[in-house]
Amino acid sequence: MYNNYIQNGVIIAPNVLAEGDKATVKYKGLLYNSGADAVYMRMGFGSGWTNETNVKMARTQEGFEAEIPVTSTDKLNLAFKDSASNWDNNSGSNYSFNVESKYL
């Protein structure tokens, strides 16, 4: 199962990520539950967070959401912060998702 963080309020679709796809990340975690007015997602690939990017997530009726490109077969890492710089990084472990190759 790839969506191991549902209990933390982090859901990614599709359930199996592949390089070249776009993924939708939905966040209804700690920051949302603490009343955050805005949430920013930091994303990067692999242990070095290659192509590290900050993405402002859109507020929806179900939390916050953003669509991101999957540009590598390295593990996708995510962490979230609010406008007051409070972080939700899964207690320092980050939210990490395996990425498959479309071309075997």
C-alpha atoms as a PDB file:
ATOM      1  CA  MET A   1       0.000   0.000   0.000  1.00  0.00           C
ATOM      2  CA  TYR A   2       1.443   3.356  -1.037  1.00  0.00           C
ATOM      3  CA  ASN A   3      -0.857   5.660   0.950  1.00  0.00           C
ATOM      4  CA  ASN A   4       0.667   4.856   4.329  1.00  0.00           C
ATOM      5  CA  TYR A   5      -0.065   8.312   5.745  1.00  0.00           C
ATOM      6  CA  ILE A   6      -3.863   8.460   5.591  1.00  0.00           C
ATOM      7  CA  GLN A   7      -4.002   8.512   9.402  1.00  0.00           C
ATOM      8  CA  ASN A   8      -1.761  11.630   9.281  1.00  0.00           C
ATOM      9  CA  GLY A   9      -4.107  13.345   6.815  1.00  0.00           C
ATOM     10  CA  VAL A  10      -1.780  12.995   3.801  1.00  0.00           C
ATOM     11  CA  ILE A  11      -3.185  11.296   0.690  1.00  0.00           C
ATOM     12  CA  ILE A  12      -1.581  11.045  -2.742  1.00  0.00           C
ATOM     13  CA  ALA A  13      -3.192   9.943  -6.003  1.00  0.00           C
ATOM     14  CA  PRO A  14      -2.637   7.929  -8.042  1.00  0.00           C
ATOM     15  CA  ASN A  15      -1.902   5.331  -5.407  1.00  0.00           C
ATOM     16  CA  VAL A  16       1.111   4.096  -7.418  1.00  0.00           C
ATOM     17  CA  LEU A  17       3.311   6.949  -8.682  1.00  0.00           C
ATOM     18  CA  ALA A  18       5.281   6.720 -11.908  1.00  0.00           C
ATOM     19  CA  GLU A  19       7.870   9.077 -13.354  1.00  0.00           C
ATOM     20  CA  GLY A  20       6.232  11.413 -15.856  1.00  0.00           C
ATOM     21  CA  ASP A  21       2.847  11.370 -14.117  1.00  0.00           C
ATOM     22  CA  LYS A  22       1.146  14.179 -12.275  1.00  0.00           C
ATOM     23  CA  ALA A  23       0.095  13.468  -8.713  1.00  0.00           C
ATOM     24  CA  THR A  24      -2.524  15.096  -6.537  1.00  0.00           C
ATOM     25  CA  VAL A  25      -1.596  15.584  -2.892  1.00  0.00           C
ATOM     26  CA  LYS A  26      -4.368  16.205  -0.362  1.00  0.00           C
ATOM     27  CA  TYR A  27      -3.472  17.457   3.089  1.00  0.00           C
ATOM     28  CA  LYS A  28      -5.779  17.442   6.102  1.00  0.00           C
ATOM     29  CA  GLY A  29      -3.146  16.879   8.747  1.00  0.00           C
ATOM     30  CA  LEU A  30      -1.777  18.516  11.872  1.00  0.00           C
ATOM     31  CA  LEU A  31      -1.499  22.047  10.445  1.00  0.00           C
ATOM     32  CA  TYR A  32      -5.017  21.976   8.993  1.00  0.00           C
ATOM     33  CA  ASN A  33      -6.386  20.657  12.279  1.00  0.00           C
ATOM     34  CA  SER A  34      -4.563  23.473  14.109  1.00  0.00           C
ATOM     35  CA  GLY A  35      -6.376  26.094  12.003  1.00  0.00           C
ATOM     36  CA  ALA A  36      -3.701  26.966   9.422  1.00  0.00           C
ATOM     37  CA  ASP A  37      -4.821  29.709   7.046  1.00  0.00           C
ATOM     38  CA  ALA A  38      -2.374  28.523   4.369  1.00  0.00           C
ATOM     39  CA  VAL A  39      -0.244  25.419   3.812  1.00  0.00           C
ATOM     40  CA  TYR A  40       2.902  25.112   1.709  1.00  0.00           C
ATOM     41  CA  MET A  41       4.219  21.740   0.595  1.00  0.00           C
ATOM     42  CA  ARG A  42       7.960  21.183   0.249  1.00  0.00           C
ATOM     43  CA  MET A  43       8.771  18.394  -2.177  1.00  0.00           C
ATOM     44  CA  GLY A  44      11.958  16.806  -3.425  1.00  0.00           C
ATOM     45  CA  PHE A  45      13.295  13.492  -4.700  1.00  0.00           C
ATOM     46  CA  GLY A  46      15.741  11.057  -3.132  1.00  0.00           C
ATOM     47  CA  SER A  47      17.795  11.377   0.045  1.00  0.00           C
ATOM     48  CA  GLY A  48      19.181  14.752  -1.097  1.00  0.00           C
ATOM     49  CA  TRP A  49      15.761  16.252  -1.893  1.00  0.00           C
ATOM     50  CA  THR A  50      16.780  16.815  -5.546  1.00  0.00           C
ATOM     51  CA  ASN A  51      14.668  19.423  -7.384  1.00  0.00           C
ATOM     52  CA  GLU A  52      13.405  20.736  -4.031  1.00  0.00           C
ATOM     53  CA  THR A  53      10.356  22.926  -4.591  1.00  0.00           C
ATOM     54  CA  ASN A  54       7.850  24.758  -2.397  1.00  0.00           C
ATOM     55  CA  VAL A  55       4.239  24.643  -3.556  1.00  0.00           C
ATOM     56  CA  LYS A  56       1.399  26.715  -2.094  1.00  0.00           C
ATOM     57  CA  MET A  57      -1.545  24.396  -1.676  1.00  0.00           C
ATOM     58  CA  ALA A  58      -5.096  25.450  -2.534  1.00  0.00           C
ATOM     59  CA  ARG A  59      -7.653  25.446   0.266  1.00  0.00           C
ATOM     60  CA  THR A  60     -10.609  23.181  -0.434  1.00  0.00           C
ATOM     61  CA  GLN A  61     -13.620  22.085   1.592  1.00  0.00           C
ATOM     62  CA  GLU A  62     -11.646  18.949   2.451  1.00  0.00           C
ATOM     63  CA  GLY A  63      -8.353  20.580   3.490  1.00  0.00           C
ATOM     64  CA  PHE A  64      -5.541  21.650   1.166  1.00  0.00           C
ATOM     65  CA  GLU A  65      -4.638  20.252  -2.260  1.00  0.00           C
ATOM     66  CA  ALA A  66      -1.955  20.584  -4.934  1.00  0.00           C
ATOM     67  CA  GLU A  67      -1.050  18.865  -8.189  1.00  0.00           C
ATOM     68  CA  ILE A  68       2.638  18.143  -8.710  1.00  0.00           C
ATOM     69  CA  PRO A  69       4.764  16.623 -11.480  1.00  0.00           C
ATOM     70  CA  VAL A  70       6.589  13.367 -10.756  1.00  0.00           C
ATOM     71  CA  THR A  71       9.950  14.034 -12.413  1.00  0.00           C
ATOM     72  CA  SER A  72      12.161  11.266 -11.035  1.00  0.00           C
ATOM     73  CA  THR A  73      12.126   7.580 -10.118  1.00  0.00           C
ATOM     74  CA  ASP A  74      13.758   8.457  -6.786  1.00  0.00           C
ATOM     75  CA  LYS A  75      11.562   8.438  -3.696  1.00  0.00           C
ATOM     76  CA  LEU A  76       9.254  11.479  -3.468  1.00  0.00           C
ATOM     77  CA  ASN A  77       9.604  13.307  -0.138  1.00  0.00           C
ATOM     78  CA  LEU A  78       7.030  15.763   1.215  1.00  0.00           C
ATOM     79  CA  ALA A  79       6.783  18.029   4.246  1.00  0.00           C
ATOM     80  CA  PHE A  80       4.255  20.759   5.016  1.00  0.00           C
ATOM     81  CA  LYS A  81       4.418  24.162   6.726  1.00  0.00           C
ATOM     82  CA  ASP A  82       1.920  26.878   7.492  1.00  0.00           C
ATOM     83  CA  SER A  83       2.275  30.653   7.125  1.00  0.00           C
ATOM     84  CA  ALA A  84       3.674  30.878  10.694  1.00  0.00           C
ATOM     85  CA  SER A  85       6.475  28.406   9.762  1.00  0.00           C
ATOM     86  CA  ASN A  86       5.078  25.543  11.842  1.00  0.00           C
ATOM     87  CA  TRP A  87       6.062  22.255  10.219  1.00  0.00           C
ATOM     88  CA  ASP A  88       4.425  18.877   9.760  1.00  0.00           C
ATOM     89  CA  ASN A  89       7.262  16.626   8.622  1.00  0.00           C
ATOM     90  CA  ASN A  90       5.986  13.341  10.080  1.00  0.00           C
ATOM     91  CA  SER A  91       8.038  13.792  13.280  1.00  0.00           C
ATOM     92  CA  GLY A  92      11.230  14.326  11.262  1.00  0.00           C
ATOM     93  CA  SER A  93      10.737  11.299   9.007  1.00  0.00           C
ATOM     94  CA  ASN A  94       9.001  13.239   6.188  1.00  0.00           C
ATOM     95  CA  TYR A  95       6.238  11.774   4.045  1.00  0.00           C
ATOM     96  CA  SER A  96       7.960   9.538   1.484  1.00  0.00           C
ATOM     97  CA  PHE A  97       6.467   7.724  -1.496  1.00  0.00           C
ATOM     98  CA  ASN A  98       8.065   5.227  -3.860  1.00  0.00           C
ATOM     99  CA  VAL A  99       8.071   6.117  -7.553  1.00  0.00           C
ATOM    100  CA  GLU A 100       7.936   3.480 -10.273  1.00  0.00           C
ATOM    101  CA  SER A 101       9.484   3.676 -13.733  1.00  0.00           C
ATOM    102  CA  LYS A 102       7.053   3.589 -16.658  1.00  0.00           C
ATOM    103  CA  TYR A 103       9.813   2.173 -18.817  1.00  0.00           C
ATOM    104  CA  LEU A 104      11.153  -1.168 -17.626  1.00  0.00           C
END
